[in-house]
Each structure stands twice: as structure tokens, then as C-alpha cells.
C-alpha atoms as a PDB file:
ATOM      1  CA  MET A   1     134.543  93.323  53.497  1.00  0.00           C
ATOM      2  CA  ILE A   2     131.343  91.247  53.642  1.00  0.00           C
ATOM      3  CA  VAL A   3     131.429  87.609  52.858  1.00  0.00           C
ATOM      4  CA  VAL A   4     128.265  86.096  51.213  1.00  0.00           C
ATOM      5  CA  THR A   5     128.040  82.211  51.424  1.00  0.00           C
ATOM      6  CA  GLY A   6     125.867  80.783  48.756  1.00  0.00           C
ATOM      7  CA  GLY A   7     126.551  83.796  46.707  1.00  0.00           C
ATOM      8  CA  SER A   8     126.008  81.971  43.379  1.00  0.00           C
ATOM      9  CA  GLY A   9     122.249  81.176  44.195  1.00  0.00           C
ATOM     10  CA  LYS A  10     119.149  83.033  43.274  1.00  0.00           C
ATOM     11  CA  LEU A  11     119.122  85.049  46.517  1.00  0.00           C
ATOM     12  CA  GLY A  12     122.822  85.172  46.648  1.00  0.00           C
ATOM     13  CA  ARG A  13     123.368  86.779  43.333  1.00  0.00           C
ATOM     14  CA  ALA A  14     120.847  89.497  44.101  1.00  0.00           C
ATOM     15  CA  CYS A  15     122.422  90.041  47.669  1.00  0.00           C
ATOM     16  CA  VAL A  16     125.957  90.394  46.180  1.00  0.00           C
ATOM     17  CA  LYS A  17     124.628  92.911  43.509  1.00  0.00           C
ATOM     18  CA  ASP A  18     122.749  94.992  46.092  1.00  0.00           C
ATOM     19  CA  LEU A  19     125.726  95.106  48.408  1.00  0.00           C
ATOM     20  CA  MET A  20     128.082  96.100  45.636  1.00  0.00           C
ATOM     21  CA  ASP A  21     125.625  98.663  44.331  1.00  0.00           C
ATOM     22  CA  HIS A  22     125.643 100.209  47.768  1.00  0.00           C
ATOM     23  CA  GLY A  23     129.543 100.523  48.090  1.00  0.00           C
ATOM     24  CA  TYR A  24     130.412  97.410  49.799  1.00  0.00           C
ATOM     25  CA  THR A  25     133.296  95.118  49.085  1.00  0.00           C
ATOM     26  CA  VAL A  26     132.060  91.654  48.742  1.00  0.00           C
ATOM     27  CA  THR A  27     133.540  88.131  48.395  1.00  0.00           C
ATOM     28  CA  SER A  28     131.126  85.328  47.259  1.00  0.00           C
ATOM     29  CA  VAL A  29     131.712  81.932  48.776  1.00  0.00           C
ATOM     30  CA  ASP A  30     130.102  78.977  47.020  1.00  0.00           C
ATOM     31  CA  VAL A  31     130.845  75.544  45.720  1.00  0.00           C
ATOM     32  CA  THR A  32     129.891  76.882  42.185  1.00  0.00           C
ATOM     33  CA  PRO A  33     131.243  80.196  40.650  1.00  0.00           C
ATOM     34  CA  PRO A  34     128.744  83.026  39.890  1.00  0.00           C
ATOM     35  CA  PRO A  35     126.875  82.224  36.559  1.00  0.00           C
ATOM     36  CA  GLY A  36     128.546  83.741  33.671  1.00  0.00           C
ATOM     37  CA  GLN A  37     131.740  85.094  35.492  1.00  0.00           C
ATOM     38  CA  SER A  38     134.762  85.026  33.450  1.00  0.00           C
ATOM     39  CA  ASN A  39     138.144  83.631  34.654  1.00  0.00           C
ATOM     40  CA  PRO A  40     140.044  85.666  35.397  1.00  0.00           C
ATOM     41  CA  PRO A  41     137.124  87.993  36.438  1.00  0.00           C
ATOM     42  CA  LYS A  42     136.359  91.246  34.698  1.00  0.00           C
ATOM     43  CA  PRO A  43     136.352  94.551  36.344  1.00  0.00           C
ATOM     44  CA  GLY A  44     133.117  94.863  38.298  1.00  0.00           C
ATOM     45  CA  ASP A  45     132.794  91.207  39.036  1.00  0.00           C
ATOM     46  CA  VAL A  46     132.537  89.914  42.483  1.00  0.00           C
ATOM     47  CA  THR A  47     135.561  88.275  44.069  1.00  0.00           C
ATOM     48  CA  TYR A  48     134.736  84.552  44.259  1.00  0.00           C
ATOM     49  CA  SER A  49     136.267  81.755  46.282  1.00  0.00           C
ATOM     50  CA  ARG A  50     135.199  78.132  46.221  1.00  0.00           C
ATOM     51  CA  ALA A  51     134.554  76.676  49.634  1.00  0.00           C
ATOM     52  CA  ASP A  52     132.243  74.052  51.174  1.00  0.00           C
ATOM     53  CA  VAL A  53     131.234  75.489  54.552  1.00  0.00           C
ATOM     54  CA  THR A  54     130.047  72.069  55.760  1.00  0.00           C
ATOM     55  CA  ASP A  55     133.693  71.610  56.404  1.00  0.00           C
ATOM     56  CA  PHE A  56     134.802  73.730  59.370  1.00  0.00           C
ATOM     57  CA  GLY A  57     138.203  74.474  58.027  1.00  0.00           C
ATOM     58  CA  GLN A  58     137.061  75.836  54.796  1.00  0.00           C
ATOM     59  CA  ALA A  59     134.376  77.902  56.761  1.00  0.00           C
ATOM     60  CA  MET A  60     137.313  79.408  58.840  1.00  0.00           C
ATOM     61  CA  ALA A  61     139.280  80.068  55.730  1.00  0.00           C
ATOM     62  CA  ALA A  62     136.355  81.660  53.910  1.00  0.00           C
ATOM     63  CA  LEU A  63     135.918  84.153  56.847  1.00  0.00           C
ATOM     64  CA  SER A  64     139.546  84.971  57.425  1.00  0.00           C
ATOM     65  CA  MET A  65     142.513  84.109  55.034  1.00  0.00           C
ATOM     66  CA  ILE A  66     141.113  82.912  51.759  1.00  0.00           C
ATOM     67  CA  ASP A  67     144.062  84.596  49.951  1.00  0.00           C
ATOM     68  CA  GLU A  68     145.718  87.895  49.511  1.00  0.00           C
ATOM     69  CA  ARG A  69     142.697  89.255  47.687  1.00  0.00           C
ATOM     70  CA  VAL A  70     140.495  89.384  50.831  1.00  0.00           C
ATOM     71  CA  GLU A  71     140.718  92.112  53.374  1.00  0.00           C
ATOM     72  CA  LYS A  72     139.499  91.898  56.915  1.00  0.00           C
ATOM     73  CA  VAL A  73     135.889  90.527  57.215  1.00  0.00           C
ATOM     74  CA  THR A  74     133.488  92.807  58.986  1.00  0.00           C
ATOM     75  CA  GLY A  75     130.261  91.014  58.408  1.00  0.00           C
ATOM     76  CA  VAL A  76     128.868  87.617  57.061  1.00  0.00           C
ATOM     77  CA  VAL A  77     125.701  86.767  55.081  1.00  0.00           C
ATOM     78  CA  HIS A  78     125.176  83.053  55.359  1.00  0.00           C
ATOM     79  CA  LEU A  79     122.857  81.884  52.494  1.00  0.00           C
ATOM     80  CA  ALA A  80     124.592  78.529  51.692  1.00  0.00           C
ATOM     81  CA  ALA A  81     122.218  75.624  52.236  1.00  0.00           C
ATOM     82  CA  ILE A  82     120.082  73.060  50.762  1.00  0.00           C
ATOM     83  CA  ALA A  83     117.445  75.484  49.669  1.00  0.00           C
ATOM     84  CA  ALA A  84     114.069  73.661  50.072  1.00  0.00           C
ATOM     85  CA  PRO A  85     112.432  70.629  51.285  1.00  0.00           C
ATOM     86  CA  GLY A  86     112.754  67.611  48.963  1.00  0.00           C
ATOM     87  CA  GLN A  87     116.056  68.669  47.343  1.00  0.00           C
ATOM     88  CA  ALA A  88     117.837  66.031  49.275  1.00  0.00           C
ATOM     89  CA  THR A  89     116.939  63.122  51.621  1.00  0.00           C
ATOM     90  CA  ASN A  90     115.822  64.400  55.138  1.00  0.00           C
ATOM     91  CA  HIS A  91     118.943  63.377  57.009  1.00  0.00           C
ATOM     92  CA  VAL A  92     121.204  65.048  54.490  1.00  0.00           C
ATOM     93  CA  THR A  93     119.204  68.272  54.476  1.00  0.00           C
ATOM     94  CA  PHE A  94     119.113  68.445  58.236  1.00  0.00           C
ATOM     95  CA  ALA A  95     122.905  67.635  58.418  1.00  0.00           C
ATOM     96  CA  VAL A  96     124.070  70.149  55.690  1.00  0.00           C
ATOM     97  CA  ASN A  97     122.017  72.975  56.893  1.00  0.00           C
ATOM     98  CA  THR A  98     122.720  72.699  60.627  1.00  0.00           C
ATOM     99  CA  VAL A  99     126.480  71.839  60.245  1.00  0.00           C
ATOM    100  CA  SER A 100     127.064  74.680  57.724  1.00  0.00           C
ATOM    101  CA  THR A 101     125.204  77.253  59.975  1.00  0.00           C
ATOM    102  CA  TYR A 102     127.205  76.009  63.051  1.00  0.00           C
ATOM    103  CA  ASN A 103     130.398  76.325  61.190  1.00  0.00           C
ATOM    104  CA  ILE A 104     129.735  79.834  60.072  1.00  0.00           C
ATOM    105  CA  PHE A 105     128.637  80.921  63.503  1.00  0.00           C
ATOM    106  CA  GLU A 106     131.492  79.326  65.189  1.00  0.00           C
ATOM    107  CA  ALA A 107     134.112  80.666  62.682  1.00  0.00           C
ATOM    108  CA  ALA A 108     132.707  84.136  63.046  1.00  0.00           C
ATOM    109  CA  ARG A 109     132.873  83.861  66.831  1.00  0.00           C
ATOM    110  CA  GLN A 110     136.572  82.656  66.835  1.00  0.00           C
ATOM    111  CA  LEU A 111     137.455  85.396  64.366  1.00  0.00           C
ATOM    112  CA  GLY A 112     135.707  88.204  66.318  1.00  0.00           C
ATOM    113  CA  ILE A 113     133.141  88.873  63.511  1.00  0.00           C
ATOM    114  CA  ARG A 114     130.036  90.127  65.415  1.00  0.00           C
ATOM    115  CA  ASN A 115     127.742  90.901  62.483  1.00  0.00           C
ATOM    116  CA  VAL A 116     126.063  87.890  61.000  1.00  0.00           C
ATOM    117  CA  VAL A 117     122.919  87.866  58.820  1.00  0.00           C
ATOM    118  CA  TRP A 118     121.527  84.410  57.721  1.00  0.00           C
ATOM    119  CA  ALA A 119     118.726  82.915  55.987  1.00  0.00           C
ATOM    120  CA  SER A 120     116.177  81.222  58.055  1.00  0.00           C
ATOM    121  CA  SER A 121     112.954  80.278  56.353  1.00  0.00           C
ATOM    122  CA  GLU A 122     109.108  80.869  56.206  1.00  0.00           C
ATOM    123  CA  THR A 123     108.854  77.209  56.640  1.00  0.00           C
ATOM    124  CA  VAL A 124     109.432  77.611  60.439  1.00  0.00           C
ATOM    125  CA  TYR A 125     105.881  78.972  60.557  1.00  0.00           C
ATOM    126  CA  GLY A 126     104.411  75.539  59.712  1.00  0.00           C
ATOM    127  CA  ILE A 127     104.660  75.197  55.968  1.00  0.00           C
ATOM    128  CA  PRO A 128     103.057  73.388  54.336  1.00  0.00           C
ATOM    129  CA  TYR A 129     100.283  73.860  56.906  1.00  0.00           C
ATOM    130  CA  PRO A 130      98.861  70.210  57.007  1.00  0.00           C
ATOM    131  CA  LYS A 131      96.292  71.493  59.556  1.00  0.00           C
ATOM    132  CA  GLY A 132      96.206  75.154  58.572  1.00  0.00           C
ATOM    133  CA  PRO A 133      97.883  78.220  60.267  1.00  0.00           C
ATOM    134  CA  ARG A 134      96.861  78.785  63.859  1.00  0.00           C
ATOM    135  CA  TYR A 135      96.263  82.509  62.937  1.00  0.00           C
ATOM    136  CA  VAL A 136      97.027  85.026  60.266  1.00  0.00           C
ATOM    137  CA  PRO A 137      99.072  87.018  59.526  1.00  0.00           C
ATOM    138  CA  VAL A 138     101.609  84.534  60.795  1.00  0.00           C
ATOM    139  CA  ASP A 139     104.447  86.178  62.817  1.00  0.00           C
ATOM    140  CA  GLU A 140     107.765  85.515  64.395  1.00  0.00           C
ATOM    141  CA  GLU A 141     106.194  83.945  67.595  1.00  0.00           C
ATOM    142  CA  ILE A 142     105.450  80.796  65.550  1.00  0.00           C
ATOM    143  CA  GLU A 143     107.689  77.796  65.766  1.00  0.00           C
ATOM    144  CA  SER A 144     106.181  74.967  63.994  1.00  0.00           C
ATOM    145  CA  PRO A 145     108.630  73.061  61.752  1.00  0.00           C
ATOM    146  CA  GLU A 146     106.840  70.265  59.736  1.00  0.00           C
ATOM    147  CA  THR A 147     109.978  69.028  57.776  1.00  0.00           C
ATOM    148  CA  ALA A 148     113.530  68.281  58.203  1.00  0.00           C
ATOM    149  CA  TYR A 149     114.313  71.432  56.220  1.00  0.00           C
ATOM    150  CA  SER A 150     112.284  73.723  58.515  1.00  0.00           C
ATOM    151  CA  LEU A 151     113.709  71.974  61.674  1.00  0.00           C
ATOM    152  CA  SER A 152     117.156  72.684  60.447  1.00  0.00           C
ATOM    153  CA  LYS A 153     116.225  76.458  60.162  1.00  0.00           C
ATOM    154  CA  LEU A 154     114.761  76.349  63.562  1.00  0.00           C
ATOM    155  CA  MET A 155     117.820  74.800  65.000  1.00  0.00           C
ATOM    156  CA  GLY A 156     119.882  77.571  63.355  1.00  0.00           C
ATOM    157  CA  GLU A 157     117.614  80.211  65.232  1.00  0.00           C
ATOM    158  CA  LYS A 158     118.230  78.328  68.516  1.00  0.00           C
ATOM    159  CA  MET A 159     121.943  78.201  67.964  1.00  0.00           C
ATOM    160  CA  ALA A 160     121.975  81.980  67.187  1.00  0.00           C
ATOM    161  CA  GLU A 161     120.454  82.593  70.592  1.00  0.00           C
ATOM    162  CA  GLN A 162     123.293  80.687  72.337  1.00  0.00           C
ATOM    163  CA  PHE A 163     126.134  82.123  70.342  1.00  0.00           C
ATOM    164  CA  CYS A 164     124.779  85.681  71.258  1.00  0.00           C
ATOM    165  CA  ARG A 165     124.355  84.566  74.992  1.00  0.00           C
ATOM    166  CA  TRP A 166     128.071  83.607  74.906  1.00  0.00           C
ATOM    167  CA  ASP A 167     128.939  87.009  73.587  1.00  0.00           C
ATOM    168  CA  PRO A 168     126.228  89.689  74.037  1.00  0.00           C
ATOM    169  CA  ARG A 169     128.231  91.920  71.768  1.00  0.00           C
ATOM    170  CA  THR A 170     127.314  89.777  68.843  1.00  0.00           C
ATOM    171  CA  LYS A 171     124.426  90.313  66.414  1.00  0.00           C
ATOM    172  CA  ILE A 172     122.972  87.397  64.544  1.00  0.00           C
ATOM    173  CA  ILE A 173     119.858  88.105  62.577  1.00  0.00           C
ATOM    174  CA  GLY A 174     117.878  85.234  60.939  1.00  0.00           C
ATOM    175  CA  LEU A 175     115.655  86.416  58.197  1.00  0.00           C
ATOM    176  CA  ARG A 176     112.614  84.090  57.681  1.00  0.00           C
ATOM    177  CA  PHE A 177     112.355  84.687  53.972  1.00  0.00           C
ATOM    178  CA  SER A 178     109.304  83.757  51.929  1.00  0.00           C
ATOM    179  CA  ASN A 179     109.574  81.915  48.509  1.00  0.00           C
ATOM    180  CA  VAL A 180     112.226  83.930  46.695  1.00  0.00           C
ATOM    181  CA  GLN A 181     111.213  85.086  43.218  1.00  0.00           C
ATOM    182  CA  GLU A 182     112.940  86.917  40.350  1.00  0.00           C
ATOM    183  CA  PRO A 183     111.297  89.264  37.920  1.00  0.00           C
ATOM    184  CA  GLN A 184     111.108  86.511  35.200  1.00  0.00           C
ATOM    185  CA  ASP A 185     109.021  84.374  37.570  1.00  0.00           C
ATOM    186  CA  TYR A 186     106.146  86.859  37.721  1.00  0.00           C
ATOM    187  CA  GLU A 187     104.826  85.685  34.221  1.00  0.00           C
ATOM    188  CA  HIS A 188     103.500  82.574  36.120  1.00  0.00           C
ATOM    189  CA  PHE A 189     101.560  84.348  38.827  1.00  0.00           C
ATOM    190  CA  ALA A 190      98.452  85.026  36.776  1.00  0.00           C
ATOM    191  CA  GLY A 191      97.852  81.234  36.399  1.00  0.00           C
ATOM    192  CA  TYR A 192      97.857  80.641  40.190  1.00  0.00           C
ATOM    193  CA  ASP A 193      94.681  82.633  40.445  1.00  0.00           C
ATOM    194  CA  LYS A 194      92.589  79.775  38.850  1.00  0.00           C
ATOM    195  CA  ASP A 195      93.004  77.471  41.893  1.00  0.00           C
ATOM    196  CA  PRO A 196      92.946  78.944  45.450  1.00  0.00           C
ATOM    197  CA  HIS A 197      94.800  75.890  46.474  1.00  0.00           C
ATOM    198  CA  SER A 198      97.693  76.326  44.159  1.00  0.00           C
ATOM    199  CA  ARG A 199      99.921  78.205  46.403  1.00  0.00           C
ATOM    200  CA  LYS A 200      98.280  77.535  49.807  1.00  0.00           C
ATOM    201  CA  PHE A 201     101.511  75.799  51.022  1.00  0.00           C
ATOM    202  CA  ASN A 202     103.043  79.268  51.946  1.00  0.00           C
ATOM    203  CA  LEU A 203      99.886  81.359  52.364  1.00  0.00           C
ATOM    204  CA  TRP A 204     100.172  82.697  48.857  1.00  0.00           C
ATOM    205  CA  THR A 205     103.168  84.781  49.711  1.00  0.00           C
ATOM    206  CA  TYR A 206     106.553  85.688  47.971  1.00  0.00           C
ATOM    207  CA  ILE A 207     109.641  87.718  48.331  1.00  0.00           C
ATOM    208  CA  ASP A 208     111.315  89.465  45.347  1.00  0.00           C
ATOM    209  CA  ALA A 209     115.010  88.653  45.486  1.00  0.00           C
ATOM    210  CA  ARG A 210     115.770  92.379  45.296  1.00  0.00           C
ATOM    211  CA  ASP A 211     113.614  93.227  48.280  1.00  0.00           C
ATOM    212  CA  ALA A 212     115.219  90.290  50.120  1.00  0.00           C
ATOM    213  CA  SER A 213     118.635  91.762  49.432  1.00  0.00           C
ATOM    214  CA  GLN A 214     117.476  95.080  50.832  1.00  0.00           C
ATOM    215  CA  ALA A 215     116.416  93.335  54.087  1.00  0.00           C
ATOM    216  CA  ILE A 216     119.798  91.669  54.285  1.00  0.00           C
ATOM    217  CA  ARG A 217     121.610  94.982  53.852  1.00  0.00           C
ATOM    218  CA  LEU A 218     119.383  96.745  56.375  1.00  0.00           C
ATOM    219  CA  ALA A 219     120.060  93.820  58.852  1.00  0.00           C
ATOM    220  CA  LEU A 220     123.765  94.044  58.436  1.00  0.00           C
ATOM    221  CA  GLU A 221     123.643  97.931  59.016  1.00  0.00           C
ATOM    222  CA  SER A 222     121.320  97.753  61.957  1.00  0.00           C
ATOM    223  CA  LYS A 223     122.666  98.533  65.451  1.00  0.00           C
ATOM    224  CA  LEU A 224     120.862  95.682  67.040  1.00  0.00           C
ATOM    225  CA  LYS A 225     122.704  93.293  69.347  1.00  0.00           C
ATOM    226  CA  GLY A 226     121.840  89.782  70.159  1.00  0.00           C
ATOM    227  CA  ALA A 227     119.854  86.996  68.249  1.00  0.00           C
ATOM    228  CA  HIS A 228     116.810  88.108  66.257  1.00  0.00           C
ATOM    229  CA  VAL A 229     114.250  86.450  63.910  1.00  0.00           C
ATOM    230  CA  ILE A 230     112.505  88.622  61.468  1.00  0.00           C
ATOM    231  CA  GLY A 231     110.000  87.555  58.805  1.00  0.00           C
ATOM    232  CA  ILE A 232     110.634  88.948  55.267  1.00  0.00           C
ATOM    233  CA  ALA A 233     108.085  88.961  52.558  1.00  0.00           C
ATOM    234  CA  ASN A 234     106.722  91.314  50.085  1.00  0.00           C
ATOM    235  CA  SER A 235     103.719  93.462  51.253  1.00  0.00           C
ATOM    236  CA  ASP A 236     101.303  91.673  48.768  1.00  0.00           C
ATOM    237  CA  GLY A 237     100.541  88.116  47.912  1.00  0.00           C
ATOM    238  CA  VAL A 238     100.765  86.316  44.553  1.00  0.00           C
ATOM    239  CA  MET A 239      96.948  86.036  44.083  1.00  0.00           C
ATOM    240  CA  ARG A 240      94.529  88.504  42.559  1.00  0.00           C
ATOM    241  CA  ARG A 241      91.832  86.861  44.743  1.00  0.00           C
ATOM    242  CA  GLY A 242      91.410  88.700  48.013  1.00  0.00           C
ATOM    243  CA  ASN A 243      92.357  87.194  51.369  1.00  0.00           C
ATOM    244  CA  ASP A 244      88.809  86.784  52.573  1.00  0.00           C
ATOM    245  CA  GLU A 245      87.938  84.619  49.739  1.00  0.00           C
ATOM    246  CA  LEU A 246      91.112  82.505  49.865  1.00  0.00           C
ATOM    247  CA  LEU A 247      90.923  81.949  53.679  1.00  0.00           C
ATOM    248  CA  GLU A 248      87.238  81.022  53.460  1.00  0.00           C
ATOM    249  CA  LYS A 249      87.928  78.344  50.820  1.00  0.00           C
ATOM    250  CA  VAL A 250      91.208  76.954  51.968  1.00  0.00           C
ATOM    251  CA  PHE A 251      91.712  77.642  55.740  1.00  0.00           C
ATOM    252  CA  PRO A 252      88.316  78.693  57.272  1.00  0.00           C
ATOM    253  CA  LYS A 253      89.373  77.858  60.755  1.00  0.00           C
ATOM    254  CA  ALA A 254      92.351  80.200  60.800  1.00  0.00           C
ATOM    255  CA  LYS A 255      91.917  82.998  63.368  1.00  0.00           C
ATOM    256  CA  ARG A 256      92.544  86.491  62.197  1.00  0.00           C
ATOM    257  CA  LYS A 257      94.701  88.694  64.593  1.00  0.00           C
ATOM    258  CA  ARG A 258      93.399  91.767  62.903  1.00  0.00           C
ATOM    259  CA  ASP A 259      91.474  93.144  59.920  1.00  0.00           C
ATOM    260  CA  LEU A 260      93.229  92.099  56.707  1.00  0.00           C
ATOM    261  CA  LYS A 261      93.669  94.116  53.570  1.00  0.00           C
ATOM    262  CA  ALA A 262      92.431  92.375  50.441  1.00  0.00           C
ATOM    263  CA  ASN A 263      95.934  91.318  49.023  1.00  0.00           C
ATOM    264  CA  GLU A 264      98.318  91.878  51.901  1.00  0.00           C
ATOM    265  CA  SER A 265     100.899  89.335  52.667  1.00  0.00           C
ATOM    266  CA  LEU A 266      99.794  86.695  55.286  1.00  0.00           C
ATOM    267  CA  ILE A 267     103.372  86.570  56.615  1.00  0.00           C
ATOM    268  CA  SER A 268     103.612  89.656  58.780  1.00  0.00           C
ATOM    269  CA  ILE A 269     106.418  92.075  58.015  1.00  0.00           C
ATOM    270  CA  ASP A 270     105.508  94.402  60.835  1.00  0.00           C
ATOM    271  CA  LYS A 271     108.669  93.599  62.708  1.00  0.00           C
ATOM    272  CA  ALA A 272     110.861  94.036  59.615  1.00  0.00           C
ATOM    273  CA  ARG A 273     109.289  97.515  59.096  1.00  0.00           C
ATOM    274  CA  ASP A 274     109.542  98.554  62.703  1.00  0.00           C
ATOM    275  CA  VAL A 275     113.062  97.060  63.444  1.00  0.00           C
ATOM    276  CA  LEU A 276     114.857  97.379  60.169  1.00  0.00           C
ATOM    277  CA  GLY A 277     112.928 100.046  58.328  1.00  0.00           C
ATOM    278  CA  TYR A 278     112.217  97.533  55.626  1.00  0.00           C
ATOM    279  CA  LYS A 279     110.064  98.789  52.643  1.00  0.00           C
ATOM    280  CA  PRO A 280     109.581  96.300  49.922  1.00  0.00           C
ATOM    281  CA  LYS A 281     109.678  98.064  46.567  1.00  0.00           C
ATOM    282  CA  HIS A 282     109.078  95.545  43.852  1.00  0.00           C
ATOM    283  CA  ASP A 283     105.337  94.608  43.149  1.00  0.00           C
ATOM    284  CA  TRP A 284     104.688  91.774  40.773  1.00  0.00           C
ATOM    285  CA  ARG A 285     101.388  93.428  39.793  1.00  0.00           C
ATOM    286  CA  LYS A 286     103.185  96.448  38.544  1.00  0.00           C
ATOM    287  CA  LYS A 287     105.821  94.479  36.772  1.00  0.00           C
ATOM    288  CA  THR A 288     103.146  92.318  34.889  1.00  0.00           C
ATOM    289  CA  LYS A 289     101.058  95.376  34.089  1.00  0.00           C
ATOM    290  CA  ALA A 290     103.950  97.117  32.664  1.00  0.00           C
ATOM    291  CA  LYS A 291     104.990  94.164  30.496  1.00  0.00           C
ATOM    292  CA  ALA A 292     101.350  93.957  29.154  1.00  0.00           C
END
């Protein structure tokens, strides 16, 4: 059994579907039910349990004894959070995200669940880059939070290190996701190209929810131990303009760690490829071309 917190959100829905499509038994834990799910659920619907994981007792229940429907939990995907800067006041964002992450890590520790994958964020790289990135492609070595939201995600990464120090058998993988997109979002991408500044806030990157879900599954299945942070994006960016032009116009002082392909992601996914075997499959260019 895999428990997915935040299973009703954009990434959560895609993650639940991917895991179920690959034969996993899944319980979705969220404060809202999955969109469109009937009550009682139909065959094929995910098992859903309402829980607010900012409350430790509810987090413990979510990972252990929700009710008779739930078998032994072998892995946790923690996606529940305030999902972006500005969705709540700074102190609420920081409190909700750090407390919920602590509660899931601690509940998993007490219950002997040693396989945890959770959503860190591209914002830890320095988004929205008030002074521009130090270098591109940005990679996992960078820790430069600029908001309460990104600080909460960095705190999650640091907590994971200590939980894994306490029990070296534990695996906690934080995936620094780029801006999550669904196929219907791609129709807006063409408009971004008119202004090179339009998506500079995250270096013109994105992650298809289905590819993000692939990364989650690969992280769950990996044989790694300890705490790891891995950047996850699609292999391309959202712009048709090339990286040379974009960087020259917007971030001319950014150093280049290597030669760049015209449209490659400026969030490095080298570690994801090397460590997880991650291969993004969903390209917005192909989607919009096929639609045209």
C-alpha cells in the first residue's frame, strides 16, 4: 500500500493514476475528495480518506490505521502542502508546509515506514531570481530560498537528512519539481514566446504532471538509502526562443556550466536521469503540433 498525501491536487491526481496503472494499491489522503469521485466509490476509484496532516494524530492515522480498508503501508508520497508562494500569508505557508512534512516524516519513522518520497520545489534554486541565477543549468547544489514557501521546502530537505541520520535504513527522496502542467495547459505556451520575461521566474521550465508522476514512482522503487534531493523538470523549456537569446536578454550575467542546447531545460535533470533512470516522455511541442 502506498499512501499519497495531497492526492486530490494536480500532481496528486496524476501520481495516484500512475501508481494504480502500474499495479500499486493506493490510498489518497487529502482534506478534499478526488474530483468527480462518487460516494460510495466505483470500481477503479482510488481509496480516499480525509485527513489534515498538519495534525500529528491524523498523520499517524493516515499512515497506519485509517480503517479496515487499508493494508500495511509500505511507502509514502507526501504532496500535501500550500502549493506555491502567495497562496497564503508567509507565516501560514511556512507553518503548514514544515509541520505537515515533519508530521509525515515522524509518523513514518514511528511506524517503521522507510520509503518516503516528497515534493520539494524548484523554488529552492532561487526563484524568482531577483538577481538572476548564479549559473545554468541550475542543479541540486543550489540552496537559495527567496520566499517563505521555498524556505519551508529547504527545511524539509534538512529535516530529511536528520531523519535518515537517525535511521540509515530510511530513504527520503525530495523531488524539486518544476512548475507542474497538465496537457490542457499547453495551449497557453505559444503566447509566452512574445515576451522573454514572461516565464523568467523559473527559467522558462515546466514539468508535465505525468512525467512528475513517473519520477515519483521511480523514486519509490529505487534502492537508494538516506536523504536525497533530485531536480525534476521536462527535458525542454516552455519557449520556442533558444536559450542563448533568452539568457542574453534576461540573465546576461548567468554563467554557463556547459554548452547548452537551444531549448533544453535550464533546471538540470542529469541527476534524475543518472540516479533514477528518469526519462521524460511528454513534450508540449508534440502535443500542440498534434492538436494543430
